Amino acid sequence: MTGLIRAFNGTLPTIDPTAFIAETAVVIGDVVIGAGSGIWYGCTVRGDVNEIRIGARTNIQDGTVIHVASEGQGTYIGDDITVGHMALLHACTLEDGCFVGMKACLMDGVHVESGAMVAAGALVTPGKRVKRGFLWAGSPARPVRELSERDLGFFPVSARRYVDLAETYRKS
């Protein structure tokens, strides 16, 4: 494990030993990161005023910022998820097996269901629920189409590729 791993108010992150934390990532406070997950270069995962939970085999790509609300919910990210480069996740919930594109912004109270996708550059405003089987895009984001079987089939492939890449980095 590398990166800056820092306690906040006496709470140190809990990181599975099989997770990859890049050297320039920062993980602070009440954060749990599951087996086989990757926190890539330039990411900030700041569980200072609430909790962050990241499941197993989840990929948080370069430059992503994950934070929480001091009042209300923490940030909950399930298993087998790909979060694209430079995403911003704030006090939201991502169910297992969803997909978040590059530079997407998910605000407080957003809930992304399993098998749903948030497009690159989308701004999902507070309290929205991204339903299973749909792609949300735009600013503000809205449902734009149903996902195809091909789209849905790519989610686990993407997650697996990044688990394998994170493992290669972790071992090197």
C-alpha atoms as a PDB file:
ATOM      1  CA  MET A   1       0.000   0.000   0.000  1.00  0.00           C
ATOM      2  CA  THR A   2       1.320   3.425  -0.885  1.00  0.00           C
ATOM      3  CA  GLY A   3      -0.192   6.884  -1.190  1.00  0.00           C
ATOM      4  CA  LEU A   4      -0.869   9.223   1.676  1.00  0.00           C
ATOM      5  CA  ILE A   5      -2.982   7.310   4.186  1.00  0.00           C
ATOM      6  CA  ARG A   6      -3.941   9.663   7.012  1.00  0.00           C
ATOM      7  CA  ALA A   7      -6.011   9.442  10.152  1.00  0.00           C
ATOM      8  CA  PHE A   8      -8.575  12.113  10.940  1.00  0.00           C
ATOM      9  CA  ASN A   9      -9.748  12.618  14.529  1.00  0.00           C
ATOM     10  CA  GLY A  10      -8.158   9.299  15.435  1.00  0.00           C
ATOM     11  CA  THR A  11      -9.816   7.270  12.670  1.00  0.00           C
ATOM     12  CA  LEU A  12      -7.437   5.632  10.206  1.00  0.00           C
ATOM     13  CA  PRO A  13      -8.665   4.263   6.860  1.00  0.00           C
ATOM     14  CA  THR A  14      -9.173   0.496   6.635  1.00  0.00           C
ATOM     15  CA  ILE A  15      -7.736  -0.777   3.366  1.00  0.00           C
ATOM     16  CA  ASP A  16      -7.755  -4.401   2.281  1.00  0.00           C
ATOM     17  CA  PRO A  17      -4.172  -5.579   1.659  1.00  0.00           C
ATOM     18  CA  THR A  18      -5.080  -6.595  -1.900  1.00  0.00           C
ATOM     19  CA  ALA A  19      -6.220  -3.076  -2.833  1.00  0.00           C
ATOM     20  CA  PHE A  20      -3.935  -0.833  -4.890  1.00  0.00           C
ATOM     21  CA  ILE A  21      -3.444   2.721  -3.639  1.00  0.00           C
ATOM     22  CA  ALA A  22      -1.331   4.791  -6.057  1.00  0.00           C
ATOM     23  CA  GLU A  23       1.596   6.765  -4.688  1.00  0.00           C
ATOM     24  CA  THR A  24      -0.104  10.117  -5.295  1.00  0.00           C
ATOM     25  CA  ALA A  25      -3.535   9.144  -3.960  1.00  0.00           C
ATOM     26  CA  VAL A  26      -4.758  10.541  -0.648  1.00  0.00           C
ATOM     27  CA  VAL A  27      -7.054   8.523   1.625  1.00  0.00           C
ATOM     28  CA  ILE A  28      -8.173  10.206   4.842  1.00  0.00           C
ATOM     29  CA  GLY A  29     -10.259   9.250   7.865  1.00  0.00           C
ATOM     30  CA  ASP A  30     -13.314   7.015   8.045  1.00  0.00           C
ATOM     31  CA  VAL A  31     -12.762   5.149   4.785  1.00  0.00           C
ATOM     32  CA  VAL A  32     -13.022   1.426   4.068  1.00  0.00           C
ATOM     33  CA  ILE A  33     -11.653   0.061   0.770  1.00  0.00           C
ATOM     34  CA  GLY A  34     -12.415  -3.530  -0.234  1.00  0.00           C
ATOM     35  CA  ALA A  35     -10.418  -6.347  -1.765  1.00  0.00           C
ATOM     36  CA  GLY A  36      -8.969  -5.894  -5.233  1.00  0.00           C
ATOM     37  CA  SER A  37     -10.043  -2.265  -5.548  1.00  0.00           C
ATOM     38  CA  GLY A  38      -7.839   0.441  -7.067  1.00  0.00           C
ATOM     39  CA  ILE A  39      -7.473   4.070  -6.054  1.00  0.00           C
ATOM     40  CA  TRP A  40      -5.453   5.583  -8.876  1.00  0.00           C
ATOM     41  CA  TYR A  41      -3.080   8.528  -9.261  1.00  0.00           C
ATOM     42  CA  GLY A  42      -4.193  11.907  -7.984  1.00  0.00           C
ATOM     43  CA  CYS A  43      -7.364  10.649  -6.290  1.00  0.00           C
ATOM     44  CA  THR A  44      -8.625  12.144  -3.040  1.00  0.00           C
ATOM     45  CA  VAL A  45     -10.848  10.011  -0.812  1.00  0.00           C
ATOM     46  CA  ARG A  46     -11.698  12.238   2.162  1.00  0.00           C
ATOM     47  CA  GLY A  47     -13.772  10.630   4.907  1.00  0.00           C
ATOM     48  CA  ASP A  48     -13.352  13.397   7.432  1.00  0.00           C
ATOM     49  CA  VAL A  49     -16.837  14.550   8.440  1.00  0.00           C
ATOM     50  CA  ASN A  50     -18.676  11.347   7.475  1.00  0.00           C
ATOM     51  CA  GLU A  51     -17.871   7.852   6.202  1.00  0.00           C
ATOM     52  CA  ILE A  52     -16.832   6.508   2.813  1.00  0.00           C
ATOM     53  CA  ARG A  53     -17.239   2.841   1.916  1.00  0.00           C
ATOM     54  CA  ILE A  54     -15.750   1.411  -1.276  1.00  0.00           C
ATOM     55  CA  GLY A  55     -16.477  -2.226  -2.036  1.00  0.00           C
ATOM     56  CA  ALA A  56     -14.445  -4.974  -3.660  1.00  0.00           C
ATOM     57  CA  ARG A  57     -13.031  -4.892  -7.195  1.00  0.00           C
ATOM     58  CA  THR A  58     -13.967  -1.253  -7.686  1.00  0.00           C
ATOM     59  CA  ASN A  59     -11.844   1.085  -9.765  1.00  0.00           C
ATOM     60  CA  ILE A  60     -11.545   4.755  -8.863  1.00  0.00           C
ATOM     61  CA  GLN A  61      -9.610   6.270 -11.766  1.00  0.00           C
ATOM     62  CA  ASP A  62      -7.049   9.063 -11.775  1.00  0.00           C
ATOM     63  CA  GLY A  63      -8.001  12.483 -10.445  1.00  0.00           C
ATOM     64  CA  THR A  64     -11.312  11.455  -8.883  1.00  0.00           C
ATOM     65  CA  VAL A  65     -12.481  13.229  -5.725  1.00  0.00           C
ATOM     66  CA  ILE A  66     -14.723  11.441  -3.239  1.00  0.00           C
ATOM     67  CA  HIS A  67     -16.109  13.364  -0.280  1.00  0.00           C
ATOM     68  CA  VAL A  68     -19.080  13.354   2.076  1.00  0.00           C
ATOM     69  CA  ALA A  69     -21.662  15.672   3.600  1.00  0.00           C
ATOM     70  CA  SER A  70     -21.179  16.693   7.212  1.00  0.00           C
ATOM     71  CA  GLU A  71     -24.930  16.397   7.719  1.00  0.00           C
ATOM     72  CA  GLY A  72     -26.746  13.591   5.991  1.00  0.00           C
ATOM     73  CA  GLN A  73     -25.144  10.638   4.317  1.00  0.00           C
ATOM     74  CA  GLY A  74     -21.648   9.471   3.654  1.00  0.00           C
ATOM     75  CA  THR A  75     -20.543   8.124   0.283  1.00  0.00           C
ATOM     76  CA  TYR A  76     -21.220   4.461  -0.487  1.00  0.00           C
ATOM     77  CA  ILE A  77     -19.646   2.778  -3.497  1.00  0.00           C
ATOM     78  CA  GLY A  78     -20.372  -0.910  -4.045  1.00  0.00           C
ATOM     79  CA  ASP A  79     -18.534  -3.797  -5.688  1.00  0.00           C
ATOM     80  CA  ASP A  80     -17.419  -4.190  -9.312  1.00  0.00           C
ATOM     81  CA  ILE A  81     -17.763  -0.520 -10.287  1.00  0.00           C
ATOM     82  CA  THR A  82     -15.730   1.562 -12.711  1.00  0.00           C
ATOM     83  CA  VAL A  83     -15.497   5.277 -11.897  1.00  0.00           C
ATOM     84  CA  GLY A  84     -13.861   7.217 -14.749  1.00  0.00           C
ATOM     85  CA  HIS A  85     -11.059   9.754 -14.570  1.00  0.00           C
ATOM     86  CA  MET A  86     -11.699  13.011 -12.697  1.00  0.00           C
ATOM     87  CA  ALA A  87     -15.172  12.138 -11.451  1.00  0.00           C
ATOM     88  CA  LEU A  88     -16.571  13.967  -8.420  1.00  0.00           C
ATOM     89  CA  LEU A  89     -18.637  11.853  -6.030  1.00  0.00           C
ATOM     90  CA  HIS A  90     -20.177  13.695  -3.085  1.00  0.00           C
ATOM     91  CA  ALA A  91     -22.438  12.084  -0.459  1.00  0.00           C
ATOM     92  CA  CYS A  92     -23.950   9.670  -2.975  1.00  0.00           C
ATOM     93  CA  THR A  93     -24.604   5.940  -3.351  1.00  0.00           C
ATOM     94  CA  LEU A  94     -23.405   3.690  -6.170  1.00  0.00           C
ATOM     95  CA  GLU A  95     -24.854   0.185  -6.165  1.00  0.00           C
ATOM     96  CA  ASP A  96     -22.821  -2.860  -7.234  1.00  0.00           C
ATOM     97  CA  GLY A  97     -22.068  -3.133 -10.940  1.00  0.00           C
ATOM     98  CA  CYS A  98     -22.880   0.388 -12.122  1.00  0.00           C
ATOM     99  CA  PHE A  99     -20.634   2.614 -14.253  1.00  0.00           C
ATOM    100  CA  VAL A 100     -19.682   6.294 -13.882  1.00  0.00           C
ATOM    101  CA  GLY A 101     -17.984   8.054 -16.798  1.00  0.00           C
ATOM    102  CA  MET A 102     -15.056  10.464 -16.832  1.00  0.00           C
ATOM    103  CA  LYS A 103     -15.612  13.923 -15.307  1.00  0.00           C
ATOM    104  CA  ALA A 104     -19.098  13.011 -14.117  1.00  0.00           C
ATOM    105  CA  CYS A 105     -20.303  14.888 -11.035  1.00  0.00           C
ATOM    106  CA  LEU A 106     -22.716  13.160  -8.640  1.00  0.00           C
ATOM    107  CA  MET A 107     -24.072  15.435  -5.939  1.00  0.00           C
ATOM    108  CA  ASP A 108     -25.568  14.844  -2.493  1.00  0.00           C
ATOM    109  CA  GLY A 109     -28.214  12.153  -2.265  1.00  0.00           C
ATOM    110  CA  VAL A 110     -27.738  10.807  -5.795  1.00  0.00           C
ATOM    111  CA  HIS A 111     -28.370   7.068  -6.027  1.00  0.00           C
ATOM    112  CA  VAL A 112     -27.086   5.064  -9.005  1.00  0.00           C
ATOM    113  CA  GLU A 113     -28.675   1.626  -9.242  1.00  0.00           C
ATOM    114  CA  SER A 114     -26.911  -1.595 -10.288  1.00  0.00           C
ATOM    115  CA  GLY A 115     -26.751  -1.820 -14.074  1.00  0.00           C
ATOM    116  CA  ALA A 116     -27.073   1.942 -14.584  1.00  0.00           C
ATOM    117  CA  MET A 117     -24.615   4.293 -16.273  1.00  0.00           C
ATOM    118  CA  VAL A 118     -23.759   7.953 -15.797  1.00  0.00           C
ATOM    119  CA  ALA A 119     -22.131   9.376 -18.936  1.00  0.00           C
ATOM    120  CA  ALA A 120     -18.849  11.232 -19.115  1.00  0.00           C
ATOM    121  CA  GLY A 121     -19.297  14.871 -18.133  1.00  0.00           C
ATOM    122  CA  ALA A 122     -22.777  14.389 -16.678  1.00  0.00           C
ATOM    123  CA  LEU A 123     -23.947  16.531 -13.747  1.00  0.00           C
ATOM    124  CA  VAL A 124     -26.375  14.516 -11.647  1.00  0.00           C
ATOM    125  CA  THR A 125     -28.087  17.014  -9.355  1.00  0.00           C
ATOM    126  CA  PRO A 126     -28.985  16.347  -5.704  1.00  0.00           C
ATOM    127  CA  GLY A 127     -31.396  13.574  -4.856  1.00  0.00           C
ATOM    128  CA  LYS A 128     -31.735  12.047  -8.337  1.00  0.00           C
ATOM    129  CA  ARG A 129     -32.044   8.271  -8.782  1.00  0.00           C
ATOM    130  CA  VAL A 130     -30.354   6.795 -11.855  1.00  0.00           C
ATOM    131  CA  LYS A 131     -32.417   3.706 -12.625  1.00  0.00           C
ATOM    132  CA  ARG A 132     -31.117   0.300 -13.633  1.00  0.00           C
ATOM    133  CA  GLY A 133     -30.812  -0.152 -17.382  1.00  0.00           C
ATOM    134  CA  PHE A 134     -30.567   3.550 -18.255  1.00  0.00           C
ATOM    135  CA  LEU A 135     -27.861   5.965 -19.375  1.00  0.00           C
ATOM    136  CA  TRP A 136     -28.015   9.440 -17.878  1.00  0.00           C
ATOM    137  CA  ALA A 137     -26.169  12.263 -19.625  1.00  0.00           C
ATOM    138  CA  GLY A 138     -26.050  16.047 -19.810  1.00  0.00           C
ATOM    139  CA  SER A 139     -25.893  18.986 -17.449  1.00  0.00           C
ATOM    140  CA  PRO A 140     -28.157  18.673 -15.647  1.00  0.00           C
ATOM    141  CA  ALA A 141     -28.226  14.934 -16.329  1.00  0.00           C
ATOM    142  CA  ARG A 142     -31.379  13.140 -17.378  1.00  0.00           C
ATOM    143  CA  PRO A 143     -32.149   9.693 -18.782  1.00  0.00           C
ATOM    144  CA  VAL A 144     -31.262   9.682 -22.488  1.00  0.00           C
ATOM    145  CA  ARG A 145     -31.671   6.033 -23.492  1.00  0.00           C
ATOM    146  CA  GLU A 146     -31.937   2.481 -22.357  1.00  0.00           C
ATOM    147  CA  LEU A 147     -28.676   0.583 -22.117  1.00  0.00           C
ATOM    148  CA  SER A 148     -28.079  -2.197 -24.625  1.00  0.00           C
ATOM    149  CA  GLU A 149     -26.985  -5.714 -23.754  1.00  0.00           C
ATOM    150  CA  ARG A 150     -23.595  -4.733 -25.174  1.00  0.00           C
ATOM    151  CA  ASP A 151     -23.382  -1.739 -22.804  1.00  0.00           C
ATOM    152  CA  LEU A 152     -24.312  -3.874 -19.810  1.00  0.00           C
ATOM    153  CA  GLY A 153     -21.873  -6.594 -20.864  1.00  0.00           C
ATOM    154  CA  PHE A 154     -19.011  -4.085 -20.834  1.00  0.00           C
ATOM    155  CA  PHE A 155     -19.428  -3.155 -17.142  1.00  0.00           C
ATOM    156  CA  PRO A 156     -17.973  -6.388 -15.694  1.00  0.00           C
ATOM    157  CA  VAL A 157     -15.272  -6.486 -18.391  1.00  0.00           C
ATOM    158  CA  SER A 158     -14.132  -2.979 -17.441  1.00  0.00           C
ATOM    159  CA  ALA A 159     -14.174  -3.814 -13.729  1.00  0.00           C
ATOM    160  CA  ARG A 160     -12.144  -7.012 -14.279  1.00  0.00           C
ATOM    161  CA  ARG A 161      -9.543  -5.278 -16.467  1.00  0.00           C
ATOM    162  CA  TYR A 162      -8.898  -2.701 -13.775  1.00  0.00           C
ATOM    163  CA  VAL A 163      -8.705  -5.335 -11.025  1.00  0.00           C
ATOM    164  CA  ASP A 164      -6.030  -7.079 -13.081  1.00  0.00           C
ATOM    165  CA  LEU A 165      -4.174  -3.827 -13.791  1.00  0.00           C
ATOM    166  CA  ALA A 166      -4.318  -2.779 -10.130  1.00  0.00           C
ATOM    167  CA  GLU A 167      -2.904  -6.171  -9.140  1.00  0.00           C
ATOM    168  CA  THR A 168      -0.032  -5.718 -11.598  1.00  0.00           C
ATOM    169  CA  TYR A 169       0.714  -2.273 -10.153  1.00  0.00           C
ATOM    170  CA  ARG A 170       0.419  -3.521  -6.570  1.00  0.00           C
ATOM    171  CA  LYS A 171       2.925  -6.301  -7.208  1.00  0.00           C
ATOM    172  CA  SER A 172       5.423  -4.154  -9.138  1.00  0.00           C
END
